[in-house]
């Protein structure tokens, strides 16, 4: 048996992972890193026409990072024998996670009501592009589609540039995290009620939630957010500046930081300039202020200004490439990257969980599984004998 738990925090929970691509696996990875027994359930090779997109290249860094700490069971849910295996697993599981289109689980007979009839304590987490109901419920959804519909592309990029996608999968990743939060909340509530429930998360709602202050500005103040480039839309001086040898970010927002900033760069007289008397004035007069700051910053290298400003208590930092990022001493100190041996031989490197628990921290116990690597193992745990397992293989159910 290889039920290795990455942590003891969620060790008592079993999660059946039907998800694929990014949002769902991100959600389940969070649970796996904190010790849940996660069984990744995927079709046998050759069943799904899209398998090359989400299952075939199991050695890639992306697949490995999304699916570490999981076991793999192949199961053809379109076959009665495969569905029977799944429902037997549901009877003793705590959580099922899926990110199909809303109607698929109903067609397969594994919707929430069906699962609840087998295990009233089960929590079904359904992740979708646009929600489980409504006019767009059956639409397919990808991260970039939702970045556009959720407003992010309208505020990303330089002024007048036109819509720009963010350089990472904001909608996918945030949806996965919101779904994990929903699952953990449902597990906590179950301790009181004894009942499971259906957790919904959608890329569209999550993307809009990530718009946060930008969306709140419009809803409450009528301000329509637009592209502000590298300048903060409501704070100044806060943005990207040029030093003598490169660019760095400055965050001198708020009166305290503004005063410390002026004193640190030897410009106390700016504190008495009527154009800069408060945050709103500094935003309104940003072009003049930026030109004055830029003239000073161009005289010294990035390292000089970052050190000087941080010493004065003013937020500032360099702009790294990804390789430079992983060379930073604080990033190394935080243990952001972790390398572990791989079952295929060699090793793989991962991004660790960004939240630390003092007694039961998340960990990475193993790399992502081979396709169906734990099929027989999981079936034995579910009570199937070797002859029954052989028949399931023969029928193509696993």
Protein backbone atom coordinates (compact mmCIF):
# COMPACT_ATOMS: atom_id res chain seq x y z
CA UNK A 1 0.00 0.00 0.00
CA UNK A 2 1.19 3.55 -0.67
CA UNK A 3 -1.29 5.80 1.17
CA UNK A 4 1.37 8.36 1.95
CA UNK A 5 -0.02 11.50 3.57
CA UNK A 6 1.78 14.80 3.09
CA UNK A 7 0.52 16.11 6.45
CA UNK A 8 -1.61 14.99 9.36
CA UNK A 9 -3.90 18.05 9.15
CA UNK A 10 -6.47 16.51 6.74
CA UNK A 11 -5.34 12.89 6.99
CA UNK A 12 -8.79 11.63 8.03
CA UNK A 13 -10.45 12.81 4.82
CA UNK A 14 -10.67 11.02 1.49
CA UNK A 15 -11.19 13.04 -1.68
CA UNK A 16 -12.22 11.64 -5.06
CA UNK A 17 -10.80 13.93 -7.72
CA UNK A 18 -12.65 13.86 -11.04
CA UNK A 19 -11.28 17.24 -12.10
CA UNK A 20 -8.88 18.14 -14.85
CA UNK A 21 -7.04 21.05 -16.51
CA UNK A 22 -6.29 23.67 -13.77
CA UNK A 23 -9.01 25.02 -11.47
CA UNK A 24 -10.11 21.64 -10.13
CA UNK A 25 -6.62 20.16 -9.72
CA UNK A 26 -5.53 23.38 -7.96
CA UNK A 27 -8.37 22.96 -5.48
CA UNK A 28 -7.59 19.31 -4.78
CA UNK A 29 -3.84 19.87 -4.62
CA UNK A 30 -4.45 22.19 -1.66
CA UNK A 31 -6.27 19.41 0.18
CA UNK A 32 -3.64 16.83 -0.77
CA UNK A 33 -0.75 19.00 0.42
CA UNK A 34 -2.43 19.20 3.83
CA UNK A 35 -2.70 15.42 4.01
CA UNK A 36 -6.04 14.38 2.51
CA UNK A 37 -6.04 10.98 0.82
CA UNK A 38 -6.70 12.08 -2.74
CA UNK A 39 -7.60 9.59 -5.44
CA UNK A 40 -7.34 11.13 -8.88
CA UNK A 41 -9.93 9.36 -11.04
CA UNK A 42 -9.34 9.59 -14.78
CA UNK A 43 -10.46 7.66 -17.86
CA UNK A 44 -8.23 4.84 -19.10
CA UNK A 45 -5.96 5.94 -21.97
CA UNK A 46 -7.77 6.37 -25.27
CA UNK A 47 -11.21 7.14 -23.84
CA UNK A 48 -11.20 10.94 -23.68
CA UNK A 49 -10.39 12.82 -26.94
CA UNK A 50 -8.91 15.69 -24.89
CA UNK A 51 -6.57 13.56 -22.81
CA UNK A 52 -3.45 15.03 -24.43
CA UNK A 53 -4.39 18.39 -22.91
CA UNK A 54 -4.70 17.28 -19.30
CA UNK A 55 -3.38 13.77 -18.72
CA UNK A 56 -0.85 12.49 -21.22
CA UNK A 57 2.35 14.43 -20.43
CA UNK A 58 2.65 13.39 -16.81
CA UNK A 59 6.31 14.34 -16.54
CA UNK A 60 5.74 18.01 -17.39
CA UNK A 61 6.35 20.51 -14.62
CA UNK A 62 2.77 21.81 -14.88
CA UNK A 63 1.11 18.40 -14.51
CA UNK A 64 3.47 17.42 -11.73
CA UNK A 65 2.88 20.63 -9.80
CA UNK A 66 -0.91 20.32 -10.09
CA UNK A 67 -1.15 16.64 -9.18
CA UNK A 68 1.53 15.92 -6.59
CA UNK A 69 0.48 14.04 -3.45
CA UNK A 70 -2.33 12.22 -5.30
CA UNK A 71 -2.96 8.60 -6.22
CA UNK A 72 -4.31 7.63 -9.65
CA UNK A 73 -7.18 5.28 -10.41
CA UNK A 74 -8.35 4.77 -14.00
CA UNK A 75 -12.11 4.39 -14.30
CA UNK A 76 -14.45 4.46 -17.29
CA UNK A 77 -17.60 6.02 -15.80
CA UNK A 78 -19.54 5.41 -19.01
CA UNK A 79 -19.48 1.69 -18.29
CA UNK A 80 -21.87 0.36 -15.62
CA UNK A 81 -19.02 -1.51 -13.95
CA UNK A 82 -16.95 1.67 -13.76
CA UNK A 83 -19.85 3.66 -12.29
CA UNK A 84 -20.39 0.88 -9.73
CA UNK A 85 -16.78 1.16 -8.62
CA UNK A 86 -17.10 4.91 -8.28
CA UNK A 87 -20.26 4.71 -6.20
CA UNK A 88 -18.65 2.15 -3.91
CA UNK A 89 -15.82 4.61 -3.32
CA UNK A 90 -18.34 7.42 -2.70
CA UNK A 91 -19.87 5.42 0.15
CA UNK A 92 -16.74 5.91 2.28
CA UNK A 93 -15.40 9.16 0.83
CA UNK A 94 -15.74 12.67 2.25
CA UNK A 95 -15.42 14.85 -0.83
CA UNK A 96 -15.92 14.55 -4.59
CA UNK A 97 -14.54 17.30 -6.84
CA UNK A 98 -15.51 17.69 -10.49
CA UNK A 99 -15.28 20.43 -13.11
CA UNK A 100 -17.38 19.08 -15.95
CA UNK A 101 -20.13 21.04 -17.63
CA UNK A 102 -23.11 21.01 -15.25
CA UNK A 103 -25.20 18.50 -17.23
CA UNK A 104 -22.50 15.82 -17.49
CA UNK A 105 -22.73 14.57 -13.90
CA UNK A 106 -26.51 14.26 -14.21
CA UNK A 107 -26.18 12.19 -17.39
CA UNK A 108 -23.70 9.90 -15.63
CA UNK A 109 -25.91 9.59 -12.57
CA UNK A 110 -23.36 11.04 -10.17
CA UNK A 111 -25.01 14.38 -9.45
CA UNK A 112 -25.29 15.59 -5.86
CA UNK A 113 -28.68 14.02 -5.13
CA UNK A 114 -27.47 10.65 -6.42
CA UNK A 115 -24.31 10.81 -4.33
CA UNK A 116 -26.22 12.00 -1.28
CA UNK A 117 -28.53 8.99 -1.48
CA UNK A 118 -25.49 6.75 -1.09
CA UNK A 119 -23.59 8.86 1.46
CA UNK A 120 -25.47 11.71 3.18
CA UNK A 121 -22.17 13.05 4.52
CA UNK A 122 -20.62 13.48 1.07
CA UNK A 123 -19.54 16.93 -0.08
CA UNK A 124 -19.67 17.47 -3.83
CA UNK A 125 -17.63 20.41 -5.10
CA UNK A 126 -18.58 21.43 -8.63
CA UNK A 127 -16.33 23.85 -10.48
CA UNK A 128 -17.58 25.37 -13.72
CA UNK A 129 -16.91 28.21 -16.10
CA UNK A 130 -20.14 30.11 -15.52
CA UNK A 131 -22.10 28.45 -12.72
CA UNK A 132 -24.39 25.45 -12.31
CA UNK A 133 -27.49 27.32 -13.48
CA UNK A 134 -28.35 30.34 -15.60
CA UNK A 135 -28.20 31.24 -19.29
CA UNK A 136 -24.47 30.46 -19.63
CA UNK A 137 -24.40 27.31 -17.46
CA UNK A 138 -23.67 24.94 -20.36
CA UNK A 139 -21.04 27.11 -21.98
CA UNK A 140 -17.47 25.83 -21.99
CA UNK A 141 -15.16 28.11 -20.05
CA UNK A 142 -11.42 28.77 -20.13
CA UNK A 143 -9.37 31.19 -18.09
CA UNK A 144 -8.80 33.75 -20.83
CA UNK A 145 -12.48 33.81 -21.81
CA UNK A 146 -13.37 34.64 -18.22
CA UNK A 147 -10.55 37.17 -17.81
CA UNK A 148 -12.30 39.06 -20.58
CA UNK A 149 -15.83 38.68 -19.26
CA UNK A 150 -14.80 39.31 -15.65
CA UNK A 151 -13.27 42.72 -16.34
CA UNK A 152 -9.62 41.86 -15.75
CA UNK A 153 -8.46 42.42 -19.32
CA UNK A 154 -10.05 45.88 -19.37
CA UNK A 155 -7.82 47.09 -16.53
CA UNK A 156 -4.63 45.25 -17.51
CA UNK A 157 -2.02 46.87 -19.74
CA UNK A 158 -0.92 50.36 -20.63
CA UNK A 159 -3.45 53.19 -21.07
CA UNK A 160 -5.03 52.99 -24.52
CA UNK A 161 -3.33 49.69 -25.32
CA UNK A 162 -6.52 47.69 -25.56
CA UNK A 163 -7.44 44.58 -23.55
CA UNK A 164 -4.51 42.52 -22.23
CA UNK A 165 -4.69 39.12 -20.53
CA UNK A 166 -2.84 38.67 -17.27
CA UNK A 167 0.33 36.61 -17.49
CA UNK A 168 -1.04 33.85 -15.27
CA UNK A 169 -4.29 31.91 -14.97
CA UNK A 170 -5.97 34.24 -12.47
CA UNK A 171 -9.50 32.88 -12.95
CA UNK A 172 -8.47 29.22 -12.84
CA UNK A 173 -6.19 29.51 -9.83
CA UNK A 174 -8.49 31.72 -7.78
CA UNK A 175 -11.45 29.43 -8.48
CA UNK A 176 -9.47 26.46 -7.25
CA UNK A 177 -8.62 28.28 -4.03
CA UNK A 178 -12.18 29.50 -3.49
CA UNK A 179 -13.45 25.95 -4.05
CA UNK A 180 -10.96 24.58 -1.51
CA UNK A 181 -12.17 27.18 0.98
CA UNK A 182 -15.77 26.11 0.33
CA UNK A 183 -14.90 22.45 0.85
CA UNK A 184 -13.10 23.12 4.12
CA UNK A 185 -16.03 25.24 5.33
CA UNK A 186 -18.46 22.44 4.42
CA UNK A 187 -16.32 19.91 6.29
CA UNK A 188 -16.35 22.14 9.37
CA UNK A 189 -20.12 22.60 9.15
CA UNK A 190 -20.58 18.85 8.78
CA UNK A 191 -19.11 18.37 12.23
CA UNK A 192 -22.22 20.14 13.58
CA UNK A 193 -24.96 18.93 11.23
CA UNK A 194 -23.63 15.51 10.25
CA UNK A 195 -24.62 16.26 6.64
CA UNK A 196 -22.68 17.05 3.53
CA UNK A 197 -23.65 19.64 0.95
CA UNK A 198 -23.08 20.82 -2.61
CA UNK A 199 -20.33 23.41 -3.06
CA UNK A 200 -20.35 25.50 -6.26
CA UNK A 201 -17.52 27.65 -7.61
CA UNK A 202 -17.26 29.26 -11.05
CA UNK A 203 -14.45 30.92 -12.96
CA UNK A 204 -16.65 33.91 -13.77
CA UNK A 205 -17.69 34.66 -10.19
CA UNK A 206 -14.16 34.05 -8.89
CA UNK A 207 -12.61 36.37 -11.47
CA UNK A 208 -15.02 39.15 -10.54
CA UNK A 209 -14.29 38.56 -6.86
CA UNK A 210 -10.59 38.97 -7.65
CA UNK A 211 -11.38 42.37 -9.16
CA UNK A 212 -11.99 43.37 -5.54
CA UNK A 213 -11.41 47.13 -5.09
CA UNK A 214 -11.71 47.79 -8.82
CA UNK A 215 -15.23 46.32 -8.90
CA UNK A 216 -16.14 47.92 -5.56
CA UNK A 217 -15.11 51.35 -6.88
CA UNK A 218 -17.64 51.03 -9.67
CA UNK A 219 -20.46 49.50 -7.61
CA UNK A 220 -20.26 52.05 -4.80
CA UNK A 221 -18.63 55.16 -6.22
CA UNK A 222 -19.45 54.99 -9.91
CA UNK A 223 -15.74 55.02 -10.86
CA UNK A 224 -15.13 53.02 -14.03
CA UNK A 225 -11.69 51.36 -13.76
CA UNK A 226 -9.47 51.66 -16.83
CA UNK A 227 -5.98 50.60 -17.80
CA UNK A 228 -3.42 52.36 -15.63
CA UNK A 229 -0.34 50.48 -16.79
CA UNK A 230 2.21 50.18 -14.00
CA UNK A 231 0.72 53.02 -11.97
CA UNK A 232 -1.67 52.25 -9.15
CA UNK A 233 -5.08 53.63 -10.13
CA UNK A 234 -5.81 55.34 -6.81
CA UNK A 235 -2.39 55.86 -5.15
CA UNK A 236 0.67 57.94 -5.98
CA UNK A 237 3.60 57.70 -6.03
CA UNK A 238 3.07 53.99 -6.54
CA UNK A 239 4.29 52.23 -9.64
CA UNK A 240 7.25 51.32 -11.79
CA UNK A 241 10.25 53.64 -12.06
CA UNK A 242 13.57 53.66 -13.90
CA UNK A 243 16.82 53.64 -11.96
CA UNK A 244 20.21 54.09 -13.61
CA UNK A 245 20.50 50.38 -14.45
CA UNK A 246 16.95 49.07 -14.59
CA UNK A 247 13.41 49.25 -13.27
CA UNK A 248 11.99 48.86 -9.78
CA UNK A 249 8.65 49.22 -8.02
CA UNK A 250 7.87 51.96 -5.50
CA UNK A 251 4.93 51.92 -3.10
CA UNK A 252 4.90 55.29 -1.31
CA UNK A 253 1.13 55.44 -0.86
CA UNK A 254 -0.52 56.91 2.22
CA UNK A 255 0.62 59.93 4.18
CA UNK A 256 3.12 58.10 6.37
CA UNK A 257 4.91 56.50 3.45
CA UNK A 258 4.81 59.77 1.50
CA UNK A 259 6.50 61.66 4.29
CA UNK A 260 9.15 58.97 4.80
CA UNK A 261 9.75 58.81 1.06
CA UNK A 262 10.35 62.56 0.68
CA UNK A 263 12.76 62.61 3.61
CA UNK A 264 14.62 59.50 2.43
CA UNK A 265 15.40 60.98 -1.00
CA UNK A 266 16.20 64.42 0.43
CA UNK A 267 13.13 66.23 -0.91
CA UNK A 268 11.46 67.55 2.26
CA UNK A 269 10.17 70.57 0.34
CA UNK A 270 7.76 68.34 -1.57
CA UNK A 271 5.81 67.97 1.68
CA UNK A 272 4.83 71.64 1.38
CA UNK A 273 3.95 71.56 -2.32
CA UNK A 274 0.20 72.25 -2.67
CA UNK A 275 -0.01 69.91 -5.65
CA UNK A 276 0.96 66.99 -3.40
CA UNK A 277 -0.97 67.87 -0.25
CA UNK A 278 -2.90 64.57 -0.11
CA UNK A 279 -3.29 61.26 -1.96
CA UNK A 280 -5.96 62.51 -4.35
CA UNK A 281 -3.86 65.52 -5.31
CA UNK A 282 -0.82 63.34 -5.89
CA UNK A 283 -2.87 61.11 -8.18
CA UNK A 284 -4.29 64.14 -10.02
CA UNK A 285 -0.81 65.60 -10.44
CA UNK A 286 0.91 62.30 -11.08
CA UNK A 287 2.67 63.33 -14.34
CA UNK A 288 4.48 66.23 -12.65
CA UNK A 289 5.34 64.18 -9.56
CA UNK A 290 6.54 61.21 -11.60
CA UNK A 291 8.85 63.41 -13.68
CA UNK A 292 10.38 64.89 -10.54
CA UNK A 293 10.89 61.47 -8.96
CA UNK A 294 12.25 59.98 -12.16
CA UNK A 295 14.92 62.66 -12.43
CA UNK A 296 16.24 61.66 -9.01
CA UNK A 297 15.96 57.91 -9.47
CA UNK A 298 17.95 57.98 -12.71
CA UNK A 299 21.09 58.94 -10.80
CA UNK A 300 21.57 55.65 -8.91
CA UNK A 301 21.14 51.90 -9.57
CA UNK A 302 18.17 49.79 -8.50
CA UNK A 303 20.01 48.22 -5.56
CA UNK A 304 20.77 51.65 -4.09
CA UNK A 305 17.15 52.82 -4.14
CA UNK A 306 15.66 49.56 -2.95
CA UNK A 307 18.03 49.47 0.02
CA UNK A 308 17.60 53.16 0.85
CA UNK A 309 13.81 53.13 0.68
CA UNK A 310 13.32 49.90 2.59
CA UNK A 311 15.64 51.16 5.30
CA UNK A 312 13.39 54.22 5.57
CA UNK A 313 10.29 52.00 5.80
CA UNK A 314 9.06 52.76 2.29
CA UNK A 315 8.03 49.68 0.21
CA UNK A 316 10.26 49.17 -2.84
CA UNK A 317 11.49 46.17 -4.73
CA UNK A 318 13.22 45.02 -7.91
CA UNK A 319 11.42 43.56 -10.94
CA UNK A 320 12.64 40.00 -11.37
CA UNK A 321 12.55 37.55 -14.21
CA UNK A 322 11.44 34.09 -13.09
CA UNK A 323 15.06 32.80 -12.80
CA UNK A 324 16.03 35.88 -10.79
CA UNK A 325 13.01 35.37 -8.56
CA UNK A 326 14.19 31.95 -7.48
CA UNK A 327 17.65 33.33 -6.64
CA UNK A 328 16.32 35.85 -4.10
CA UNK A 329 17.50 35.07 -0.54
CA UNK A 330 14.11 35.74 1.07
CA UNK A 331 12.34 33.50 -1.42
CA UNK A 332 14.83 30.76 -0.65
CA UNK A 333 14.39 31.34 3.07
CA UNK A 334 10.61 30.92 2.76
CA UNK A 335 11.05 27.53 1.08
CA UNK A 336 8.94 28.53 -1.91
CA UNK A 337 10.44 25.78 -4.09
CA UNK A 338 10.88 22.17 -3.03
CA UNK A 339 12.58 19.33 -4.90
CA UNK A 340 11.56 15.71 -4.28
CA UNK A 341 12.50 12.34 -5.83
CA UNK A 342 10.19 11.18 -8.61
CA UNK A 343 8.76 7.67 -9.02
CA UNK A 344 10.07 7.65 -12.62
CA UNK A 345 13.58 8.32 -11.37
CA UNK A 346 15.28 11.66 -11.07
CA UNK A 347 13.46 14.46 -9.29
CA UNK A 348 10.86 17.19 -9.76
CA UNK A 349 10.62 20.67 -8.24
CA UNK A 350 7.41 22.22 -6.94
CA UNK A 351 5.96 25.44 -5.58
CA UNK A 352 5.02 24.84 -1.95
CA UNK A 353 1.81 25.92 -0.25
CA UNK A 354 2.02 29.64 0.61
CA UNK A 355 0.34 29.24 4.01
CA UNK A 356 2.22 27.75 6.96
CA UNK A 357 0.70 25.88 9.90
CA UNK A 358 2.97 25.67 12.93
CA UNK A 359 2.07 22.10 13.99
CA UNK A 360 0.67 20.42 10.88
CA UNK A 361 2.23 22.14 7.87
CA UNK A 362 1.58 21.13 4.27
CA UNK A 363 4.26 19.10 2.57
CA UNK A 364 5.05 17.33 -0.70
CA UNK A 365 5.32 13.62 -0.06
CA UNK A 366 5.46 12.42 -3.65
CA UNK A 367 5.32 13.50 -7.26
CA UNK A 368 2.25 13.19 -9.47
CA UNK A 369 1.20 9.58 -10.11
CA UNK A 370 1.54 7.52 -13.23
CA UNK A 371 -1.62 6.98 -15.24
CA UNK A 372 -3.63 4.47 -13.20
CA UNK A 373 -0.61 3.73 -11.01
CA UNK A 374 -2.75 2.95 -7.95
CA UNK A 375 -5.77 1.35 -9.63
CA UNK A 376 -5.39 -2.13 -8.17
CA UNK A 377 -4.34 -0.74 -4.80
CA UNK A 378 -7.46 1.43 -4.48
CA UNK A 379 -9.72 -1.39 -5.66
CA UNK A 380 -8.29 -3.73 -3.03
CA UNK A 381 -8.94 -1.08 -0.38
CA UNK A 382 -12.54 -0.85 -1.64
CA UNK A 383 -13.06 -4.58 -1.06
CA UNK A 384 -12.54 -6.02 -4.53
CA UNK A 385 -10.60 -9.29 -4.67
CA UNK A 386 -7.97 -10.06 -7.28
CA UNK A 387 -10.42 -11.98 -9.49
CA UNK A 388 -12.92 -9.11 -9.48
CA UNK A 389 -10.14 -6.64 -10.28
CA UNK A 390 -9.03 -8.78 -13.20
CA UNK A 391 -12.59 -8.78 -14.57
CA UNK A 392 -12.77 -4.99 -14.32
CA UNK A 393 -9.57 -4.76 -16.37
CA UNK A 394 -10.93 -7.22 -18.92
CA UNK A 395 -14.15 -5.24 -19.44
CA UNK A 396 -12.28 -1.94 -19.81
CA UNK A 397 -14.00 -0.46 -16.75
CA UNK A 398 -10.58 0.41 -15.28
